[in-house]
N, C-alpha and C. Protein backbone atom coordinates (compact mmCIF):
# COMPACT_ATOMS: atom_id res chain seq x y z
N MET A 1 -1.69 56.78 11.84
CA MET A 1 -1.63 57.91 10.92
C MET A 1 -0.24 58.01 10.30
N ILE A 2 -0.18 58.60 9.13
CA ILE A 2 1.08 58.74 8.40
C ILE A 2 2.08 59.60 9.18
N TRP A 3 1.61 60.68 9.77
CA TRP A 3 2.49 61.58 10.51
C TRP A 3 2.18 61.45 12.00
N ASP A 4 3.15 60.96 12.75
CA ASP A 4 2.95 60.76 14.18
C ASP A 4 3.25 61.99 15.02
N SER A 5 4.11 62.88 14.51
CA SER A 5 4.48 64.06 15.29
C SER A 5 5.01 65.15 14.36
N ASN A 6 5.08 66.36 14.88
CA ASN A 6 5.66 67.47 14.12
C ASN A 6 7.13 67.22 13.83
N GLU A 7 7.82 66.59 14.76
CA GLU A 7 9.24 66.29 14.56
C GLU A 7 9.43 65.32 13.40
N GLU A 8 8.55 64.33 13.29
CA GLU A 8 8.64 63.39 12.18
C GLU A 8 8.38 64.10 10.85
N VAL A 9 7.42 65.02 10.83
CA VAL A 9 7.15 65.80 9.62
C VAL A 9 8.40 66.56 9.20
N ASN A 10 9.02 67.24 10.15
CA ASN A 10 10.23 68.03 9.85
C ASN A 10 11.38 67.16 9.37
N GLN A 11 11.60 66.02 10.01
CA GLN A 11 12.69 65.13 9.61
C GLN A 11 12.45 64.57 8.21
N THR A 12 11.23 64.14 7.94
CA THR A 12 10.91 63.59 6.63
C THR A 12 11.03 64.65 5.55
N ALA A 13 10.51 65.85 5.82
CA ALA A 13 10.59 66.93 4.85
C ALA A 13 12.04 67.28 4.54
N SER A 14 12.86 67.30 5.56
CA SER A 14 14.28 67.61 5.37
C SER A 14 14.97 66.51 4.56
N LYS A 15 14.68 65.28 4.86
CA LYS A 15 15.30 64.14 4.16
C LYS A 15 14.99 64.17 2.66
N TYR A 16 13.77 64.55 2.29
CA TYR A 16 13.35 64.53 0.89
C TYR A 16 13.38 65.90 0.21
N SER A 17 13.83 66.91 0.91
CA SER A 17 13.90 68.28 0.38
C SER A 17 12.54 68.79 -0.07
N VAL A 18 11.52 68.56 0.74
CA VAL A 18 10.18 69.08 0.47
C VAL A 18 9.74 69.91 1.67
N THR A 19 8.72 70.73 1.47
CA THR A 19 8.13 71.53 2.54
C THR A 19 6.67 71.16 2.64
N ILE A 20 6.27 70.63 3.76
CA ILE A 20 4.89 70.23 3.96
C ILE A 20 4.14 71.42 4.57
N LEU A 21 3.18 71.95 3.80
CA LEU A 21 2.47 73.16 4.20
C LEU A 21 1.18 72.86 4.96
N HIS A 22 0.45 71.84 4.54
CA HIS A 22 -0.81 71.46 5.20
C HIS A 22 -0.88 69.94 5.28
N ILE A 23 -1.33 69.45 6.42
CA ILE A 23 -1.51 68.01 6.63
C ILE A 23 -2.99 67.75 6.86
N ALA A 24 -3.50 66.72 6.20
CA ALA A 24 -4.90 66.30 6.36
C ALA A 24 -5.86 67.47 6.15
N CYS A 25 -5.68 68.17 5.05
CA CYS A 25 -6.53 69.31 4.73
C CYS A 25 -7.64 68.90 3.77
N GLU A 26 -8.53 69.81 3.50
CA GLU A 26 -9.59 69.58 2.52
C GLU A 26 -9.01 69.75 1.12
N PRO A 27 -9.53 69.05 0.13
CA PRO A 27 -9.02 69.19 -1.24
C PRO A 27 -9.14 70.61 -1.78
N ASP A 28 -10.10 71.38 -1.30
CA ASP A 28 -10.27 72.77 -1.74
C ASP A 28 -9.10 73.66 -1.36
N ALA A 29 -8.28 73.21 -0.43
CA ALA A 29 -7.10 74.00 -0.04
C ALA A 29 -6.15 74.19 -1.21
N ALA A 30 -6.21 73.32 -2.20
CA ALA A 30 -5.35 73.41 -3.37
C ALA A 30 -5.73 74.57 -4.29
N LYS A 31 -6.89 75.17 -4.07
CA LYS A 31 -7.35 76.29 -4.90
C LYS A 31 -6.78 77.63 -4.45
N ASN A 32 -6.06 77.65 -3.35
CA ASN A 32 -5.52 78.89 -2.80
C ASN A 32 -4.45 79.47 -3.72
N LYS A 33 -4.69 80.65 -4.24
CA LYS A 33 -3.76 81.31 -5.17
C LYS A 33 -2.49 81.80 -4.46
N LYS A 34 -2.48 81.83 -3.13
CA LYS A 34 -1.30 82.29 -2.38
C LYS A 34 -0.27 81.19 -2.17
N LEU A 35 -0.55 79.99 -2.66
CA LEU A 35 0.42 78.90 -2.60
C LEU A 35 1.48 79.11 -3.67
N PRO A 36 2.65 78.51 -3.50
CA PRO A 36 3.68 78.62 -4.54
C PRO A 36 3.33 77.78 -5.76
N THR A 37 3.90 78.13 -6.89
CA THR A 37 3.61 77.41 -8.13
C THR A 37 4.13 75.97 -8.11
N ASN A 38 5.06 75.66 -7.22
CA ASN A 38 5.59 74.30 -7.14
C ASN A 38 4.95 73.49 -6.00
N ALA A 39 3.76 73.91 -5.56
CA ALA A 39 3.04 73.18 -4.51
C ALA A 39 2.13 72.14 -5.14
N CYS A 40 2.09 70.98 -4.53
CA CYS A 40 1.25 69.88 -5.01
C CYS A 40 0.27 69.46 -3.93
N ILE A 41 -0.85 68.91 -4.37
CA ILE A 41 -1.78 68.28 -3.43
C ILE A 41 -1.58 66.78 -3.56
N VAL A 42 -1.34 66.14 -2.43
CA VAL A 42 -1.10 64.70 -2.39
C VAL A 42 -2.34 64.02 -1.82
N HIS A 43 -2.91 63.10 -2.57
CA HIS A 43 -4.09 62.35 -2.16
C HIS A 43 -3.63 60.95 -1.76
N TYR A 44 -3.96 60.54 -0.55
CA TYR A 44 -3.55 59.22 -0.06
C TYR A 44 -4.59 58.67 0.88
N LEU A 45 -4.49 57.40 1.16
CA LEU A 45 -5.37 56.74 2.12
C LEU A 45 -4.62 56.59 3.44
N ASP A 46 -5.32 56.90 4.52
CA ASP A 46 -4.72 56.79 5.84
C ASP A 46 -5.82 56.43 6.84
N MET A 47 -5.41 55.96 7.98
CA MET A 47 -6.35 55.58 9.02
C MET A 47 -6.08 56.43 10.26
N LYS A 48 -7.10 57.13 10.73
CA LYS A 48 -6.97 57.91 11.95
C LYS A 48 -7.00 56.97 13.15
N LYS A 49 -6.40 57.43 14.25
CA LYS A 49 -6.41 56.63 15.47
C LYS A 49 -7.84 56.31 15.87
N GLY A 50 -8.08 55.06 16.16
CA GLY A 50 -9.40 54.63 16.59
C GLY A 50 -10.32 54.22 15.46
N ASP A 51 -9.98 54.56 14.21
CA ASP A 51 -10.79 54.16 13.07
C ASP A 51 -10.46 52.73 12.66
N GLU A 52 -11.40 52.10 11.98
CA GLU A 52 -11.19 50.74 11.51
C GLU A 52 -10.94 50.67 10.01
N HIS A 53 -11.20 51.76 9.30
CA HIS A 53 -11.09 51.77 7.85
C HIS A 53 -10.23 52.94 7.38
N PHE A 54 -9.62 52.74 6.23
CA PHE A 54 -8.85 53.81 5.62
C PHE A 54 -9.80 54.84 5.01
N SER A 55 -9.36 56.10 5.03
CA SER A 55 -10.15 57.17 4.43
C SER A 55 -9.23 58.09 3.63
N ASP A 56 -9.83 58.92 2.78
CA ASP A 56 -9.06 59.84 1.95
C ASP A 56 -8.47 60.97 2.79
N HIS A 57 -7.21 61.28 2.52
CA HIS A 57 -6.52 62.40 3.16
C HIS A 57 -5.77 63.18 2.09
N TYR A 58 -5.55 64.46 2.38
CA TYR A 58 -4.87 65.34 1.44
C TYR A 58 -3.84 66.18 2.18
N ASP A 59 -2.66 66.31 1.60
CA ASP A 59 -1.62 67.20 2.11
C ASP A 59 -1.23 68.16 1.00
N ILE A 60 -0.82 69.36 1.38
CA ILE A 60 -0.26 70.32 0.42
C ILE A 60 1.25 70.35 0.68
N VAL A 61 2.03 70.05 -0.36
CA VAL A 61 3.48 69.91 -0.21
C VAL A 61 4.18 70.72 -1.30
N MET A 62 5.19 71.46 -0.90
CA MET A 62 5.97 72.28 -1.81
C MET A 62 7.28 71.57 -2.12
N GLY A 63 7.65 71.52 -3.40
CA GLY A 63 8.91 70.91 -3.77
C GLY A 63 8.88 70.33 -5.16
N ASN A 64 9.94 69.66 -5.51
CA ASN A 64 10.04 68.97 -6.78
C ASN A 64 9.09 67.78 -6.75
N LYS A 65 8.32 67.59 -7.83
CA LYS A 65 7.31 66.53 -7.84
C LYS A 65 7.91 65.14 -7.64
N VAL A 66 9.11 64.91 -8.14
CA VAL A 66 9.77 63.61 -7.96
C VAL A 66 10.11 63.40 -6.48
N ASP A 67 10.59 64.44 -5.81
CA ASP A 67 10.91 64.34 -4.38
C ASP A 67 9.65 64.11 -3.55
N ILE A 68 8.55 64.78 -3.94
CA ILE A 68 7.28 64.59 -3.23
C ILE A 68 6.81 63.14 -3.40
N PHE A 69 6.90 62.64 -4.63
CA PHE A 69 6.52 61.24 -4.88
C PHE A 69 7.37 60.30 -4.04
N ASP A 70 8.68 60.48 -4.05
CA ASP A 70 9.58 59.61 -3.28
C ASP A 70 9.22 59.63 -1.81
N CYS A 71 8.96 60.81 -1.27
CA CYS A 71 8.62 60.96 0.14
C CYS A 71 7.37 60.15 0.50
N TYR A 72 6.31 60.34 -0.25
CA TYR A 72 5.04 59.68 0.07
C TYR A 72 5.05 58.20 -0.31
N TYR A 73 5.71 57.84 -1.38
CA TYR A 73 5.79 56.43 -1.77
C TYR A 73 6.55 55.64 -0.71
N ASP A 74 7.67 56.20 -0.24
CA ASP A 74 8.45 55.53 0.81
C ASP A 74 7.66 55.43 2.11
N LYS A 75 6.86 56.44 2.39
CA LYS A 75 6.10 56.49 3.64
C LYS A 75 4.86 55.59 3.59
N LEU A 76 4.19 55.55 2.42
CA LEU A 76 2.90 54.87 2.31
C LEU A 76 2.91 53.57 1.52
N GLY A 77 3.73 53.51 0.50
CA GLY A 77 3.66 52.40 -0.44
C GLY A 77 2.70 52.70 -1.56
N LYS A 78 2.70 51.89 -2.59
CA LYS A 78 1.94 52.21 -3.79
C LYS A 78 0.43 52.05 -3.63
N ARG A 79 -0.02 51.24 -2.73
CA ARG A 79 -1.46 51.02 -2.59
C ARG A 79 -2.18 52.17 -1.90
N LYS A 80 -1.48 52.91 -1.07
CA LYS A 80 -2.14 53.98 -0.33
C LYS A 80 -1.94 55.35 -0.98
N LEU A 81 -0.95 55.51 -1.82
CA LEU A 81 -0.73 56.77 -2.52
C LEU A 81 -1.63 56.79 -3.75
N LYS A 82 -2.56 57.73 -3.79
CA LYS A 82 -3.55 57.77 -4.86
C LYS A 82 -3.16 58.72 -5.99
N SER A 83 -2.75 59.94 -5.68
CA SER A 83 -2.39 60.88 -6.74
C SER A 83 -1.60 62.05 -6.18
N ILE A 84 -0.88 62.70 -7.10
CA ILE A 84 -0.17 63.94 -6.79
C ILE A 84 -0.49 64.90 -7.93
N GLY A 85 -1.09 66.03 -7.59
CA GLY A 85 -1.46 67.01 -8.60
C GLY A 85 -1.03 68.40 -8.20
N TRP A 86 -0.99 69.28 -9.17
CA TRP A 86 -0.59 70.67 -8.90
C TRP A 86 -1.72 71.43 -8.21
N THR A 87 -1.35 72.36 -7.37
CA THR A 87 -2.32 73.28 -6.79
C THR A 87 -2.50 74.45 -7.76
N GLN A 88 -3.32 75.39 -7.38
CA GLN A 88 -3.56 76.57 -8.22
C GLN A 88 -2.76 77.77 -7.74
N GLY A 89 -1.67 77.52 -7.02
CA GLY A 89 -0.84 78.61 -6.50
C GLY A 89 -0.24 79.46 -7.60
N ASN A 90 -0.07 80.75 -7.31
CA ASN A 90 0.46 81.71 -8.27
C ASN A 90 1.78 82.35 -7.85
N VAL A 91 2.26 82.04 -6.66
CA VAL A 91 3.45 82.70 -6.12
C VAL A 91 4.71 81.96 -6.58
N LYS A 92 5.68 82.72 -7.08
CA LYS A 92 6.95 82.11 -7.48
C LYS A 92 7.61 81.52 -6.23
N PRO A 93 8.17 80.32 -6.34
CA PRO A 93 8.75 79.66 -5.16
C PRO A 93 9.80 80.51 -4.44
N GLY A 94 10.60 81.26 -5.19
CA GLY A 94 11.63 82.10 -4.57
C GLY A 94 11.06 83.26 -3.76
N LEU A 95 9.83 83.65 -4.05
CA LEU A 95 9.18 84.75 -3.35
C LEU A 95 8.23 84.28 -2.26
N PHE A 96 8.04 82.97 -2.17
CA PHE A 96 7.11 82.41 -1.20
C PHE A 96 7.71 82.47 0.21
N ASP A 97 6.95 83.05 1.14
CA ASP A 97 7.37 83.16 2.54
C ASP A 97 6.50 82.20 3.37
N LYS A 98 7.07 81.04 3.67
CA LYS A 98 6.32 79.99 4.37
C LYS A 98 5.78 80.48 5.71
N ALA A 99 6.59 81.17 6.49
CA ALA A 99 6.17 81.61 7.82
C ALA A 99 4.98 82.57 7.72
N ARG A 100 5.06 83.52 6.80
CA ARG A 100 3.96 84.48 6.65
C ARG A 100 2.70 83.79 6.13
N TYR A 101 2.87 82.87 5.20
CA TYR A 101 1.73 82.13 4.66
C TYR A 101 1.04 81.33 5.76
N LEU A 102 1.82 80.58 6.55
CA LEU A 102 1.22 79.76 7.60
C LEU A 102 0.56 80.61 8.68
N LYS A 103 1.15 81.76 8.97
CA LYS A 103 0.57 82.66 9.97
C LYS A 103 -0.77 83.20 9.48
N ALA A 104 -0.84 83.55 8.19
CA ALA A 104 -2.07 84.09 7.62
C ALA A 104 -3.16 83.03 7.50
N SER A 105 -2.78 81.77 7.33
CA SER A 105 -3.78 80.72 7.13
C SER A 105 -4.31 80.13 8.43
N THR A 106 -3.82 80.59 9.56
CA THR A 106 -4.34 80.07 10.84
C THR A 106 -5.45 80.91 11.37
């Protein structure tokens, strides 16, 4: 899998100045209006432990689109990174409270 641990997620996010909000979520998660306006949905191919084939995965990531691209391209390479698109979030990034959002979405 692309993300082996929470610590790796935090280190990678810090290195690329992005905030990873959801890992391996459904594509419909991008429709959430409570996401920040600078959140993107990243579509990539990954293999779960024990699987023999790659399958579609989606992450919701907050940050500059170039930084998000660099993060996933460096992690996956060009063949596994499929697309990066905007979510339907309406919250200004400066007003977005990650802790409250994550608490509400659990």
